Amino acid sequence: MRLFAAVIPPPDAVAELEAALAPLHGLPGAAHLRWTESTSWHFTLAFLGEVDEALLPGLEERLARAAHRHPPHTLRFASAGRFGDKILWVGAEGELTTLRDLARSTAAGARRAGVEVDGKHPFRAHLTLARAAGPVRLGPYAEHLADFTGAPWTADRLALVRSALPASGVPGERPRYTTVASWGLGR
């Protein structure tokens, strides 16, 4: 199964970000963007890729330990950016050191459980908002959100999430995410 570890924002923070994004849907080129569904928003701590189901019990044990080692911490959505003209994202402010430490522990625990972790990209707290599905300049979108700062919220759980890739071949179909397990931080 295809898995990743993540922190999932609470509904109030999601609703606030949705409201901030609403005006962006009217900008030039918005039809060329595949907006991520707010129900799937998350901060990826470690992308685990395809994981053999036999490794799942050990992985869950290691991730539970990682969660218990780190306290709940305060985050908020803040500013935005882009990876070229391919991906639009919103960042985070707050106790980012704790979030980074949680990401490191999560990746280390997964490796100890025998799971190969994607180590090509260093952890950077961001939530993907949209992907370009055609020619569009993402600069104006990032500029529109540059001053956005959401209300603080508490990151208090680590989630192990399964990603089911689209199989239908229908253009624009998105992956489906299902939480496999989650653990309270610091407990």
Protein backbone atom coordinates (compact mmCIF):
# COMPACT_ATOMS: atom_id res chain seq x y z
CA MET A 1 0.00 0.00 0.00
CA ARG A 2 1.12 3.56 -0.74
CA LEU A 3 1.57 5.46 2.53
CA PHE A 4 2.71 8.75 4.02
CA ALA A 5 2.86 10.20 7.53
CA ALA A 6 1.23 13.58 8.10
CA VAL A 7 -0.23 16.21 10.37
CA ILE A 8 -3.82 16.99 9.38
CA PRO A 9 -5.16 20.48 10.19
CA PRO A 10 -8.42 20.82 12.14
CA PRO A 11 -11.72 21.77 10.46
CA ASP A 12 -11.68 25.41 11.66
CA ALA A 13 -8.25 26.03 10.12
CA VAL A 14 -9.35 24.31 6.91
CA ALA A 15 -12.47 26.49 6.67
CA GLU A 16 -10.42 29.65 7.20
CA LEU A 17 -7.99 28.67 4.45
CA GLU A 18 -10.85 27.76 2.09
CA ALA A 19 -12.28 31.28 2.56
CA ALA A 20 -8.88 32.84 1.80
CA LEU A 21 -8.63 30.78 -1.40
CA ALA A 22 -12.08 31.63 -2.75
CA PRO A 23 -10.97 34.80 -4.62
CA LEU A 24 -8.17 32.87 -6.36
CA HIS A 25 -10.67 30.81 -8.32
CA GLY A 26 -11.51 33.95 -10.32
CA LEU A 27 -7.93 34.78 -11.32
CA PRO A 28 -6.77 34.32 -14.93
CA GLY A 29 -5.70 30.74 -15.56
CA ALA A 30 -7.69 29.25 -12.67
CA ALA A 31 -9.30 26.79 -15.08
CA HIS A 32 -5.83 25.33 -15.68
CA LEU A 33 -5.36 24.45 -12.02
CA ARG A 34 -6.31 21.21 -10.29
CA TRP A 35 -7.24 22.39 -6.82
CA THR A 36 -6.66 19.91 -4.02
CA GLU A 37 -9.74 19.00 -2.03
CA SER A 38 -9.77 20.55 1.42
CA THR A 39 -10.72 17.18 2.91
CA SER A 40 -7.31 15.89 1.83
CA TRP A 41 -5.19 18.81 3.11
CA HIS A 42 -2.19 17.80 5.21
CA PHE A 43 1.44 18.51 5.99
CA THR A 44 3.44 15.51 4.78
CA LEU A 45 6.08 14.57 7.36
CA ALA A 46 7.46 11.55 5.49
CA PHE A 47 6.50 9.99 2.16
CA LEU A 48 6.82 6.23 2.56
CA GLY A 49 5.76 5.08 -0.90
CA GLU A 50 4.72 1.48 -1.46
CA VAL A 51 4.89 -0.41 1.84
CA ASP A 52 4.55 -4.17 2.19
CA GLU A 53 1.58 -4.91 4.43
CA ALA A 54 3.77 -7.27 6.48
CA LEU A 55 5.76 -4.22 7.66
CA LEU A 56 2.67 -2.39 8.89
CA PRO A 57 2.66 -3.61 12.55
CA GLY A 58 6.31 -2.61 13.05
CA LEU A 59 5.77 0.69 11.25
CA GLU A 60 2.76 1.54 13.41
CA GLU A 61 4.74 0.71 16.56
CA ARG A 62 7.63 2.98 15.50
CA LEU A 63 5.32 5.84 14.49
CA ALA A 64 3.48 5.60 17.81
CA ARG A 65 6.84 6.00 19.59
CA ALA A 66 7.71 8.99 17.40
CA ALA A 67 4.37 10.63 18.20
CA HIS A 68 4.80 10.12 21.94
CA ARG A 69 8.26 11.76 21.89
CA HIS A 70 6.96 15.10 20.60
CA PRO A 71 4.48 17.43 22.29
CA PRO A 72 1.42 19.00 20.74
CA HIS A 73 2.46 22.28 19.16
CA THR A 74 0.94 25.43 17.75
CA LEU A 75 0.89 26.08 14.01
CA ARG A 76 -0.97 28.36 11.67
CA PHE A 77 -1.19 28.69 7.91
CA ALA A 78 0.93 31.58 6.70
CA SER A 79 1.97 33.04 3.36
CA ALA A 80 2.19 31.03 0.20
CA GLY A 81 4.63 30.02 -2.46
CA ARG A 82 5.08 27.93 -5.53
CA PHE A 83 7.36 25.29 -6.90
CA GLY A 84 7.95 26.81 -10.31
CA ASP A 85 4.68 27.09 -12.19
CA LYS A 86 3.68 23.54 -11.22
CA ILE A 87 2.53 23.63 -7.58
CA LEU A 88 0.91 26.33 -5.42
CA TRP A 89 1.26 25.87 -1.67
CA VAL A 90 0.59 27.54 1.66
CA GLY A 91 3.20 27.47 4.40
CA ALA A 92 3.14 27.39 8.17
CA GLU A 93 4.32 29.47 11.10
CA GLY A 94 4.54 28.61 14.76
CA GLU A 95 6.45 25.85 16.47
CA LEU A 96 8.14 24.67 13.28
CA THR A 97 11.13 23.23 15.13
CA THR A 98 8.82 20.74 16.85
CA LEU A 99 7.15 19.92 13.53
CA ARG A 100 10.57 19.37 11.86
CA ASP A 101 11.68 17.18 14.78
CA LEU A 102 8.48 15.15 14.44
CA ALA A 103 9.15 14.75 10.71
CA ARG A 104 12.71 13.52 11.42
CA SER A 105 11.53 11.06 14.08
CA THR A 106 8.79 9.80 11.78
CA ALA A 107 11.23 9.14 8.93
CA ALA A 108 13.76 7.50 11.27
CA GLY A 109 11.08 5.27 12.80
CA ALA A 110 9.88 4.20 9.38
CA ARG A 111 13.44 3.31 8.33
CA ARG A 112 13.90 1.26 11.52
CA ALA A 113 10.70 -0.59 10.65
CA GLY A 114 12.23 -1.53 7.28
CA VAL A 115 10.39 1.05 5.18
CA GLU A 116 12.34 2.95 2.56
CA VAL A 117 11.64 6.66 3.08
CA ASP A 118 11.86 9.22 0.28
CA GLY A 119 14.92 11.19 1.35
CA LYS A 120 15.32 13.22 -1.85
CA HIS A 121 13.53 16.26 -0.48
CA PRO A 122 14.26 17.83 2.91
CA PHE A 123 11.22 18.51 5.07
CA ARG A 124 9.56 21.83 4.31
CA ALA A 125 6.26 22.62 6.00
CA HIS A 126 3.82 23.24 3.17
CA LEU A 127 0.35 22.18 2.14
CA THR A 128 -0.33 21.74 -1.58
CA LEU A 129 -3.25 23.88 -2.73
CA ALA A 130 -3.21 23.34 -6.50
CA ARG A 131 -1.26 21.78 -9.33
CA ALA A 132 -1.00 23.29 -12.79
CA ALA A 133 -2.75 21.19 -15.42
CA GLY A 134 -1.77 23.51 -18.24
CA PRO A 135 0.06 26.75 -18.93
CA VAL A 136 -0.53 29.10 -16.01
CA ARG A 137 1.64 31.56 -14.11
CA LEU A 138 1.38 30.78 -10.40
CA GLY A 139 3.14 33.98 -9.29
CA PRO A 140 -0.09 36.03 -9.02
CA TYR A 141 -1.71 33.27 -6.95
CA ALA A 142 1.21 33.14 -4.50
CA GLU A 143 1.29 36.96 -4.35
CA HIS A 144 -2.43 37.05 -3.51
CA LEU A 145 -1.81 34.78 -0.50
CA ALA A 146 1.58 36.26 0.47
CA ASP A 147 0.12 38.21 3.41
CA PHE A 148 -2.32 35.51 4.54
CA THR A 149 -1.92 34.44 8.15
CA GLY A 150 -4.45 32.09 9.67
CA ALA A 151 -5.50 31.66 13.28
CA PRO A 152 -3.30 29.42 15.45
CA TRP A 153 -4.29 25.78 15.86
CA THR A 154 -2.83 22.85 17.75
CA ALA A 155 -1.12 20.01 15.92
CA ASP A 156 -1.81 17.16 18.31
CA ARG A 157 -1.85 13.98 16.18
CA LEU A 158 0.40 12.07 13.82
CA ALA A 159 -1.50 10.25 11.07
CA LEU A 160 -0.48 7.35 8.85
CA VAL A 161 -2.36 7.85 5.60
CA ARG A 162 -2.98 5.55 2.67
CA SER A 163 -3.01 7.11 -0.78
CA ALA A 164 -5.05 5.27 -3.42
CA LEU A 165 -4.05 6.57 -6.84
CA PRO A 166 -6.77 7.06 -9.47
CA ALA A 167 -7.28 3.94 -11.54
CA SER A 168 -10.10 5.04 -13.82
CA GLY A 169 -8.02 7.14 -16.20
CA VAL A 170 -10.58 9.94 -15.95
CA PRO A 171 -8.78 13.30 -16.37
CA GLY A 172 -8.69 15.33 -13.18
CA GLU A 173 -9.45 12.39 -10.88
CA ARG A 174 -7.54 12.75 -7.62
CA PRO A 175 -6.02 10.26 -5.21
CA ARG A 176 -8.16 9.16 -2.28
CA TYR A 177 -6.67 9.41 1.19
CA THR A 178 -7.64 7.20 4.11
CA THR A 179 -6.19 7.44 7.60
CA VAL A 180 -4.86 3.99 8.51
CA ALA A 181 -3.87 4.89 12.08
CA SER A 182 -3.17 7.98 14.20
CA TRP A 183 -1.53 8.74 17.50
CA GLY A 184 -1.81 11.63 19.93
CA LEU A 185 1.38 13.62 20.31
CA GLY A 186 3.15 13.55 23.66
CA ARG A 187 0.93 10.83 25.13
